[in-house]
PDB file of N, CA and C in Angstrom:
ATOM      1  N   MET A   1     -17.794   2.849  -8.971  1.00  0.00           N
ATOM      2  CA  MET A   1     -18.323   1.597  -9.469  1.00  0.00           C
ATOM      3  C   MET A   1     -18.604   1.680 -10.973  1.00  0.00           C
ATOM      4  N   TYR A   2     -19.214   2.797 -11.388  1.00  0.00           N
ATOM      5  CA  TYR A   2     -19.572   2.916 -12.801  1.00  0.00           C
ATOM      6  C   TYR A   2     -18.355   3.083 -13.697  1.00  0.00           C
ATOM      7  N   ASP A   3     -17.280   3.658 -13.172  1.00  0.00           N
ATOM      8  CA  ASP A   3     -16.048   3.746 -13.950  1.00  0.00           C
ATOM      9  C   ASP A   3     -15.500   2.350 -14.252  1.00  0.00           C
ATOM     10  N   LEU A   4     -15.595   1.467 -13.277  1.00  0.00           N
ATOM     11  CA  LEU A   4     -15.137   0.096 -13.468  1.00  0.00           C
ATOM     12  C   LEU A   4     -15.990  -0.611 -14.514  1.00  0.00           C
ATOM     13  N   LEU A   5     -17.311  -0.428 -14.447  1.00  0.00           N
ATOM     14  CA  LEU A   5     -18.200  -1.024 -15.446  1.00  0.00           C
ATOM     15  C   LEU A   5     -17.882  -0.478 -16.834  1.00  0.00           C
ATOM     16  N   LEU A   6     -17.678   0.813 -16.935  1.00  0.00           N
ATOM     17  CA  LEU A   6     -17.367   1.419 -18.230  1.00  0.00           C
ATOM     18  C   LEU A   6     -16.093   0.829 -18.807  1.00  0.00           C
ATOM     19  N   ASP A   7     -15.076   0.666 -17.989  1.00  0.00           N
ATOM     20  CA  ASP A   7     -13.829   0.048 -18.460  1.00  0.00           C
ATOM     21  C   ASP A   7     -14.072  -1.377 -18.951  1.00  0.00           C
ATOM     22  N   GLN A   8     -14.916  -2.130 -18.241  1.00  0.00           N
ATOM     23  CA  GLN A   8     -15.213  -3.502 -18.651  1.00  0.00           C
ATOM     24  C   GLN A   8     -15.998  -3.520 -19.953  1.00  0.00           C
ATOM     25  N   TRP A   9     -16.936  -2.604 -20.114  1.00  0.00           N
ATOM     26  CA  TRP A   9     -17.776  -2.564 -21.315  1.00  0.00           C
ATOM     27  C   TRP A   9     -16.966  -2.261 -22.569  1.00  0.00           C
ATOM     28  N   LEU A  10     -15.881  -1.518 -22.428  1.00  0.00           N
ATOM     29  CA  LEU A  10     -15.074  -1.188 -23.589  1.00  0.00           C
ATOM     30  C   LEU A  10     -14.421  -2.427 -24.194  1.00  0.00           C
ATOM     31  N   TYR A  11     -14.321  -3.500 -23.411  1.00  0.00           N
ATOM     32  CA  TYR A  11     -13.717  -4.738 -23.897  1.00  0.00           C
ATOM     33  C   TYR A  11     -14.711  -5.897 -23.938  1.00  0.00           C
ATOM     34  N   ALA A  12     -15.989  -5.597 -23.741  1.00  0.00           N
ATOM     35  CA  ALA A  12     -17.036  -6.629 -23.741  1.00  0.00           C
ATOM     36  C   ALA A  12     -17.743  -6.665 -25.088  1.00  0.00           C
ATOM     37  N   SER A  13     -18.439  -7.756 -25.316  1.00  0.00           N
ATOM     38  CA  SER A  13     -19.296  -7.890 -26.494  1.00  0.00           C
ATOM     39  C   SER A  13     -20.740  -7.926 -26.039  1.00  0.00           C
ATOM     40  N   GLU A  14     -21.638  -7.588 -26.934  1.00  0.00           N
ATOM     41  CA  GLU A  14     -23.050  -7.626 -26.598  1.00  0.00           C
ATOM     42  C   GLU A  14     -23.467  -9.055 -26.254  1.00  0.00           C
ATOM     43  N   SER A  15     -24.427  -9.153 -25.361  1.00  0.00           N
ATOM     44  CA  SER A  15     -24.932 -10.453 -24.941  1.00  0.00           C
ATOM     45  C   SER A  15     -26.391 -10.278 -24.504  1.00  0.00           C
ATOM     46  N   ASP A  16     -26.967 -11.312 -23.896  1.00  0.00           N
ATOM     47  CA  ASP A  16     -28.353 -11.180 -23.437  1.00  0.00           C
ATOM     48  C   ASP A  16     -28.450 -10.294 -22.195  1.00  0.00           C
ATOM     49  N   SER A  17     -27.315  -9.915 -21.612  1.00  0.00           N
ATOM     50  CA  SER A  17     -27.343  -9.017 -20.460  1.00  0.00           C
ATOM     51  C   SER A  17     -26.655  -7.681 -20.735  1.00  0.00           C
ATOM     52  N   LEU A  18     -26.201  -7.477 -21.962  1.00  0.00           N
ATOM     53  CA  LEU A  18     -25.501  -6.242 -22.311  1.00  0.00           C
ATOM     54  C   LEU A  18     -25.832  -5.855 -23.747  1.00  0.00           C
ATOM     55  N   ASP A  19     -26.369  -4.654 -23.903  1.00  0.00           N
ATOM     56  CA  ASP A  19     -26.751  -4.171 -25.227  1.00  0.00           C
ATOM     57  C   ASP A  19     -26.205  -2.762 -25.405  1.00  0.00           C
ATOM     58  N   PHE A  20     -25.393  -2.559 -26.422  1.00  0.00           N
ATOM     59  CA  PHE A  20     -24.819  -1.247 -26.711  1.00  0.00           C
ATOM     60  C   PHE A  20     -25.651  -0.542 -27.773  1.00  0.00           C
ATOM     61  N   LYS A  21     -25.857   0.731 -27.570  1.00  0.00           N
ATOM     62  CA  LYS A  21     -26.508   1.584 -28.561  1.00  0.00           C
ATOM     63  C   LYS A  21     -25.563   2.734 -28.862  1.00  0.00           C
ATOM     64  N   ARG A  22     -25.202   2.850 -30.114  1.00  0.00           N
ATOM     65  CA  ARG A  22     -24.270   3.900 -30.521  1.00  0.00           C
ATOM     66  C   ARG A  22     -24.882   5.279 -30.306  1.00  0.00           C
ATOM     67  N   ASP A  23     -26.128   5.446 -30.723  1.00  0.00           N
ATOM     68  CA  ASP A  23     -26.789   6.749 -30.673  1.00  0.00           C
ATOM     69  C   ASP A  23     -27.943   6.757 -29.680  1.00  0.00           C
ATOM     70  N   GLN A  24     -28.287   7.949 -29.273  1.00  0.00           N
ATOM     71  CA  GLN A  24     -29.414   8.136 -28.380  1.00  0.00           C
ATOM     72  C   GLN A  24     -30.711   7.803 -29.120  1.00  0.00           C
ATOM     73  N   TYR A  25     -31.713   7.371 -28.379  1.00  0.00           N
ATOM     74  CA  TYR A  25     -33.014   7.091 -28.986  1.00  0.00           C
ATOM     75  C   TYR A  25     -33.671   8.397 -29.408  1.00  0.00           C
ATOM     76  N   LYS A  26     -34.368   8.348 -30.549  1.00  0.00           N
ATOM     77  CA  LYS A  26     -35.046   9.537 -31.060  1.00  0.00           C
ATOM     78  C   LYS A  26     -36.409   9.691 -30.403  1.00  0.00           C
ATOM     79  N   PHE A  27     -36.729  10.894 -29.971  1.00  0.00           N
ATOM     80  CA  PHE A  27     -38.048  11.194 -29.429  1.00  0.00           C
ATOM     81  C   PHE A  27     -38.630  12.451 -30.062  1.00  0.00           C
ATOM     82  N   ILE A  28     -37.816  13.484 -30.194  1.00  0.00           N
ATOM     83  CA  ILE A  28     -38.290  14.744 -30.776  1.00  0.00           C
ATOM     84  C   ILE A  28     -38.376  14.585 -32.287  1.00  0.00           C
ATOM     85  N   LYS A  29     -39.531  14.928 -32.843  1.00  0.00           N
ATOM     86  CA  LYS A  29     -39.807  14.819 -34.278  1.00  0.00           C
ATOM     87  C   LYS A  29     -39.622  13.390 -34.785  1.00  0.00           C
ATOM     88  N   ALA A  30     -39.895  12.422 -33.942  1.00  0.00           N
ATOM     89  CA  ALA A  30     -39.737  11.016 -34.309  1.00  0.00           C
ATOM     90  C   ALA A  30     -41.103  10.397 -34.572  1.00  0.00           C
ATOM     91  N   SER A  31     -41.109   9.374 -35.406  1.00  0.00           N
ATOM     92  CA  SER A  31     -42.346   8.631 -35.660  1.00  0.00           C
ATOM     93  C   SER A  31     -42.660   7.766 -34.435  1.00  0.00           C
ATOM     94  N   ASP A  32     -43.845   7.218 -34.386  1.00  0.00           N
ATOM     95  CA  ASP A  32     -44.219   6.332 -33.293  1.00  0.00           C
ATOM     96  C   ASP A  32     -43.308   5.108 -33.244  1.00  0.00           C
ATOM     97  N   ASP A  33     -42.938   4.586 -34.417  1.00  0.00           N
ATOM     98  CA  ASP A  33     -42.030   3.434 -34.459  1.00  0.00           C
ATOM     99  C   ASP A  33     -40.665   3.781 -33.867  1.00  0.00           C
ATOM    100  N   GLU A  34     -40.145   4.941 -34.205  1.00  0.00           N
ATOM    101  CA  GLU A  34     -38.852   5.363 -33.660  1.00  0.00           C
ATOM    102  C   GLU A  34     -38.937   5.571 -32.149  1.00  0.00           C
ATOM    103  N   LYS A  35     -40.036   6.133 -31.684  1.00  0.00           N
ATOM    104  CA  LYS A  35     -40.215   6.358 -30.254  1.00  0.00           C
ATOM    105  C   LYS A  35     -40.347   5.058 -29.479  1.00  0.00           C
ATOM    106  N   SER A  36     -40.843   4.017 -30.118  1.00  0.00           N
ATOM    107  CA  SER A  36     -41.067   2.755 -29.411  1.00  0.00           C
ATOM    108  C   SER A  36     -39.809   1.890 -29.308  1.00  0.00           C
ATOM    109  N   GLU A  37     -38.727   2.269 -29.972  1.00  0.00           N
ATOM    110  CA  GLU A  37     -37.504   1.456 -29.971  1.00  0.00           C
ATOM    111  C   GLU A  37     -36.948   1.251 -28.566  1.00  0.00           C
ATOM    112  N   LEU A  38     -36.945   2.288 -27.732  1.00  0.00           N
ATOM    113  CA  LEU A  38     -36.441   2.153 -26.364  1.00  0.00           C
ATOM    114  C   LEU A  38     -37.277   1.139 -25.588  1.00  0.00           C
ATOM    115  N   LEU A  39     -38.580   1.247 -25.691  1.00  0.00           N
ATOM    116  CA  LEU A  39     -39.456   0.313 -24.993  1.00  0.00           C
ATOM    117  C   LEU A  39     -39.231  -1.122 -25.474  1.00  0.00           C
ATOM    118  N   LYS A  40     -39.083  -1.312 -26.777  1.00  0.00           N
ATOM    119  CA  LYS A  40     -38.821  -2.654 -27.322  1.00  0.00           C
ATOM    120  C   LYS A  40     -37.523  -3.230 -26.760  1.00  0.00           C
ATOM    121  N   ASP A  41     -36.467  -2.414 -26.692  1.00  0.00           N
ATOM    122  CA  ASP A  41     -35.189  -2.892 -26.181  1.00  0.00           C
ATOM    123  C   ASP A  41     -35.273  -3.228 -24.695  1.00  0.00           C
ATOM    124  N   ILE A  42     -35.972  -2.415 -23.935  1.00  0.00           N
ATOM    125  CA  ILE A  42     -36.141  -2.684 -22.498  1.00  0.00           C
ATOM    126  C   ILE A  42     -36.928  -3.972 -22.294  1.00  0.00           C
ATOM    127  N   LEU A  43     -38.012  -4.136 -23.028  1.00  0.00           N
ATOM    128  CA  LEU A  43     -38.824  -5.347 -22.889  1.00  0.00           C
ATOM    129  C   LEU A  43     -38.057  -6.598 -23.307  1.00  0.00           C
ATOM    130  N   ALA A  44     -37.233  -6.491 -24.325  1.00  0.00           N
ATOM    131  CA  ALA A  44     -36.431  -7.641 -24.742  1.00  0.00           C
ATOM    132  C   ALA A  44     -35.467  -8.061 -23.641  1.00  0.00           C
ATOM    133  N   MET A  45     -34.886  -7.091 -22.957  1.00  0.00           N
ATOM    134  CA  MET A  45     -33.958  -7.418 -21.868  1.00  0.00           C
ATOM    135  C   MET A  45     -34.705  -7.988 -20.662  1.00  0.00           C
ATOM    136  N   ILE A  46     -35.861  -7.440 -20.377  1.00  0.00           N
ATOM    137  CA  ILE A  46     -36.652  -7.934 -19.243  1.00  0.00           C
ATOM    138  C   ILE A  46     -37.083  -9.376 -19.477  1.00  0.00           C
ATOM    139  N   ASN A  47     -37.422  -9.712 -20.702  1.00  0.00           N
ATOM    140  CA  ASN A  47     -37.936 -11.042 -21.017  1.00  0.00           C
ATOM    141  C   ASN A  47     -36.852 -12.093 -21.231  1.00  0.00           C
ATOM    142  N   SER A  48     -35.595 -11.704 -21.162  1.00  0.00           N
ATOM    143  CA  SER A  48     -34.487 -12.659 -21.292  1.00  0.00           C
ATOM    144  C   SER A  48     -34.138 -13.190 -19.908  1.00  0.00           C
ATOM    145  N   TRP A  49     -34.085 -14.521 -19.798  1.00  0.00           N
ATOM    146  CA  TRP A  49     -33.733 -15.119 -18.516  1.00  0.00           C
ATOM    147  C   TRP A  49     -32.242 -14.965 -18.282  1.00  0.00           C
ATOM    148  N   ARG A  50     -31.889 -14.522 -17.079  1.00  0.00           N
ATOM    149  CA  ARG A  50     -30.474 -14.372 -16.723  1.00  0.00           C
ATOM    150  C   ARG A  50     -30.332 -14.380 -15.210  1.00  0.00           C
ATOM    151  N   THR A  51     -29.122 -14.594 -14.750  1.00  0.00           N
ATOM    152  CA  THR A  51     -28.835 -14.577 -13.318  1.00  0.00           C
ATOM    153  C   THR A  51     -27.962 -13.392 -12.935  1.00  0.00           C
ATOM    154  N   VAL A  52     -27.709 -12.483 -13.889  1.00  0.00           N
ATOM    155  CA  VAL A  52     -26.896 -11.292 -13.639  1.00  0.00           C
ATOM    156  C   VAL A  52     -27.698 -10.058 -14.030  1.00  0.00           C
ATOM    157  N   ASP A  53     -27.242  -8.902 -13.588  1.00  0.00           N
ATOM    158  CA  ASP A  53     -27.889  -7.646 -13.970  1.00  0.00           C
ATOM    159  C   ASP A  53     -27.734  -7.423 -15.470  1.00  0.00           C
ATOM    160  N   ALA A  54     -28.689  -6.694 -16.049  1.00  0.00           N
ATOM    161  CA  ALA A  54     -28.650  -6.388 -17.480  1.00  0.00           C
ATOM    162  C   ALA A  54     -28.475  -4.881 -17.659  1.00  0.00           C
ATOM    163  N   TYR A  55     -27.784  -4.529 -18.729  1.00  0.00           N
ATOM    164  CA  TYR A  55     -27.499  -3.122 -18.998  1.00  0.00           C
ATOM    165  C   TYR A  55     -27.779  -2.791 -20.452  1.00  0.00           C
ATOM    166  N   LEU A  56     -28.401  -1.650 -20.651  1.00  0.00           N
ATOM    167  CA  LEU A  56     -28.613  -1.053 -21.963  1.00  0.00           C
ATOM    168  C   LEU A  56     -27.757   0.209 -21.959  1.00  0.00           C
ATOM    169  N   VAL A  57     -26.667   0.203 -22.710  1.00  0.00           N
ATOM    170  CA  VAL A  57     -25.672   1.266 -22.627  1.00  0.00           C
ATOM    171  C   VAL A  57     -25.721   2.121 -23.884  1.00  0.00           C
ATOM    172  N   ILE A  58     -26.002   3.389 -23.696  1.00  0.00           N
ATOM    173  CA  ILE A  58     -26.072   4.329 -24.816  1.00  0.00           C
ATOM    174  C   ILE A  58     -24.755   5.092 -24.880  1.00  0.00           C
ATOM    175  N   GLY A  59     -24.163   5.135 -26.065  1.00  0.00           N
ATOM    176  CA  GLY A  59     -22.942   5.901 -26.261  1.00  0.00           C
ATOM    177  C   GLY A  59     -21.697   5.051 -26.436  1.00  0.00           C
ATOM    178  N   ILE A  60     -21.888   3.755 -26.664  1.00  0.00           N
ATOM    179  CA  ILE A  60     -20.759   2.872 -26.957  1.00  0.00           C
ATOM    180  C   ILE A  60     -21.050   2.157 -28.272  1.00  0.00           C
ATOM    181  N   GLU A  61     -20.091   2.207 -29.168  1.00  0.00           N
ATOM    182  CA  GLU A  61     -20.211   1.489 -30.435  1.00  0.00           C
ATOM    183  C   GLU A  61     -19.500   0.145 -30.306  1.00  0.00           C
ATOM    184  N   ASP A  62     -20.247  -0.932 -30.474  1.00  0.00           N
ATOM    185  CA  ASP A  62     -19.691  -2.279 -30.383  1.00  0.00           C
ATOM    186  C   ASP A  62     -18.852  -2.556 -31.622  1.00  0.00           C
ATOM    187  N   ARG A  63     -17.624  -3.011 -31.404  1.00  0.00           N
ATOM    188  CA  ARG A  63     -16.711  -3.304 -32.508  1.00  0.00           C
ATOM    189  C   ARG A  63     -16.248  -4.744 -32.436  1.00  0.00           C
ATOM    190  N   GLN A  64     -15.961  -5.307 -33.565  1.00  0.00           N
ATOM    191  CA  GLN A  64     -15.402  -6.660 -33.629  1.00  0.00           C
ATOM    192  C   GLN A  64     -14.042  -6.689 -32.935  1.00  0.00           C
ATOM    193  N   GLU A  65     -13.227  -5.709 -33.278  1.00  0.00           N
ATOM    194  CA  GLU A  65     -11.915  -5.578 -32.641  1.00  0.00           C
ATOM    195  C   GLU A  65     -12.054  -4.645 -31.449  1.00  0.00           C
ATOM    196  N   LYS A  66     -11.599  -5.118 -30.307  1.00  0.00           N
ATOM    197  CA  LYS A  66     -11.725  -4.335 -29.079  1.00  0.00           C
ATOM    198  C   LYS A  66     -10.531  -3.411 -28.936  1.00  0.00           C
ATOM    199  N   PRO A  67     -10.652  -2.290 -28.279  1.00  0.00           N
ATOM    200  CA  PRO A  67     -11.784  -1.864 -27.477  1.00  0.00           C
ATOM    201  C   PRO A  67     -12.913  -1.281 -28.295  1.00  0.00           C
ATOM    202  N   ASN A  68     -14.104  -1.289 -27.707  1.00  0.00           N
ATOM    203  CA  ASN A  68     -15.246  -0.614 -28.306  1.00  0.00           C
ATOM    204  C   ASN A  68     -14.988   0.887 -28.297  1.00  0.00           C
ATOM    205  N   ILE A  69     -15.809   1.610 -29.020  1.00  0.00           N
ATOM    206  CA  ILE A  69     -15.621   3.059 -29.099  1.00  0.00           C
ATOM    207  C   ILE A  69     -16.607   3.758 -28.176  1.00  0.00           C
ATOM    208  N   LEU A  70     -16.066   4.582 -27.273  1.00  0.00           N
ATOM    209  CA  LEU A  70     -16.889   5.397 -26.399  1.00  0.00           C
ATOM    210  C   LEU A  70     -17.163   6.715 -27.113  1.00  0.00           C
ATOM    211  N   LEU A  71     -18.430   7.025 -27.317  1.00  0.00           N
ATOM    212  CA  LEU A  71     -18.777   8.237 -28.064  1.00  0.00           C
ATOM    213  C   LEU A  71     -19.131   9.382 -27.158  1.00  0.00           C
TER     214      LEU A  71
END
Protein backbone atom coordinates (compact mmCIF):
# COMPACT_ATOMS: atom_id res chain seq x y z
CA MET A 1 0.00 0.00 0.00
CA TYR A 2 2.74 2.45 0.94
CA ASP A 3 4.63 1.79 -2.29
CA LEU A 4 1.54 2.89 -4.20
CA LEU A 5 1.25 6.06 -2.09
CA LEU A 6 4.94 6.82 -2.62
CA ASP A 7 4.52 6.50 -6.39
CA GLN A 8 1.53 8.86 -6.26
CA TRP A 9 3.37 11.39 -4.09
CA LEU A 10 6.20 11.65 -6.60
CA TYR A 11 3.71 13.19 -9.04
CA ALA A 12 1.56 15.10 -6.53
CA SER A 13 1.72 18.69 -5.35
CA GLU A 14 1.39 19.89 -1.80
CA SER A 15 -2.13 20.57 -0.63
CA ASP A 16 -4.12 20.86 2.61
CA SER A 17 -3.88 17.07 2.92
CA LEU A 18 -0.29 16.58 1.73
CA ASP A 19 2.83 18.32 2.99
CA PHE A 20 6.35 17.43 1.84
CA LYS A 21 9.41 18.09 3.95
CA ARG A 22 12.75 17.78 2.23
CA ASP A 23 14.75 17.34 5.44
CA GLN A 24 14.16 15.69 8.76
CA TYR A 25 13.08 17.89 11.65
CA LYS A 26 15.90 19.03 13.92
CA PHE A 27 15.85 17.90 17.55
CA ILE A 28 19.45 17.32 18.64
CA LYS A 29 21.23 20.61 19.40
CA ALA A 30 18.18 22.48 18.12
CA SER A 31 16.58 25.61 19.54
CA ASP A 32 13.09 25.46 21.00
CA ASP A 33 11.74 27.09 17.83
CA GLU A 34 13.37 24.44 15.64
CA LYS A 35 12.04 21.67 17.87
CA SER A 36 8.51 23.05 17.69
CA GLU A 37 8.34 22.95 13.86
CA LEU A 38 7.05 19.35 13.78
CA LEU A 39 4.30 20.16 16.26
CA LYS A 40 3.31 23.28 14.29
CA ASP A 41 3.05 21.27 11.06
CA ILE A 42 1.00 18.52 12.71
CA LEU A 43 -1.37 21.04 14.29
CA ALA A 44 -1.81 22.86 10.98
CA MET A 45 -2.85 19.62 9.31
CA ILE A 46 -5.17 18.65 12.15
CA ASN A 47 -6.90 22.04 12.02
CA SER A 48 -7.51 21.91 8.25
CA TRP A 49 -10.94 20.63 7.30
CA ARG A 50 -10.82 17.74 4.85
CA THR A 51 -12.64 14.55 3.92
CA VAL A 52 -9.49 12.55 3.09
CA ASP A 53 -6.50 11.35 5.11
CA ALA A 54 -3.63 13.81 5.54
CA TYR A 55 0.06 13.04 5.21
CA LEU A 56 3.23 14.78 6.33
CA VAL A 57 5.95 13.19 4.21
CA ILE A 58 9.60 13.58 5.13
CA GLY A 59 12.19 12.93 2.44
CA ILE A 60 10.48 14.25 -0.68
CA GLU A 61 11.40 17.55 -2.29
CA ASP A 62 8.40 19.19 -3.96
CA ARG A 63 9.24 20.41 -7.45
CA GLN A 64 7.36 22.52 -9.95
CA GLU A 65 8.24 20.04 -12.66
CA LYS A 66 7.27 16.50 -11.76
CA PRO A 67 8.37 14.01 -10.61
CA ASN A 68 9.29 15.22 -7.16
CA ILE A 69 12.66 14.17 -5.80
CA LEU A 70 12.83 11.27 -3.37
CA LEU A 71 15.77 11.84 -1.03
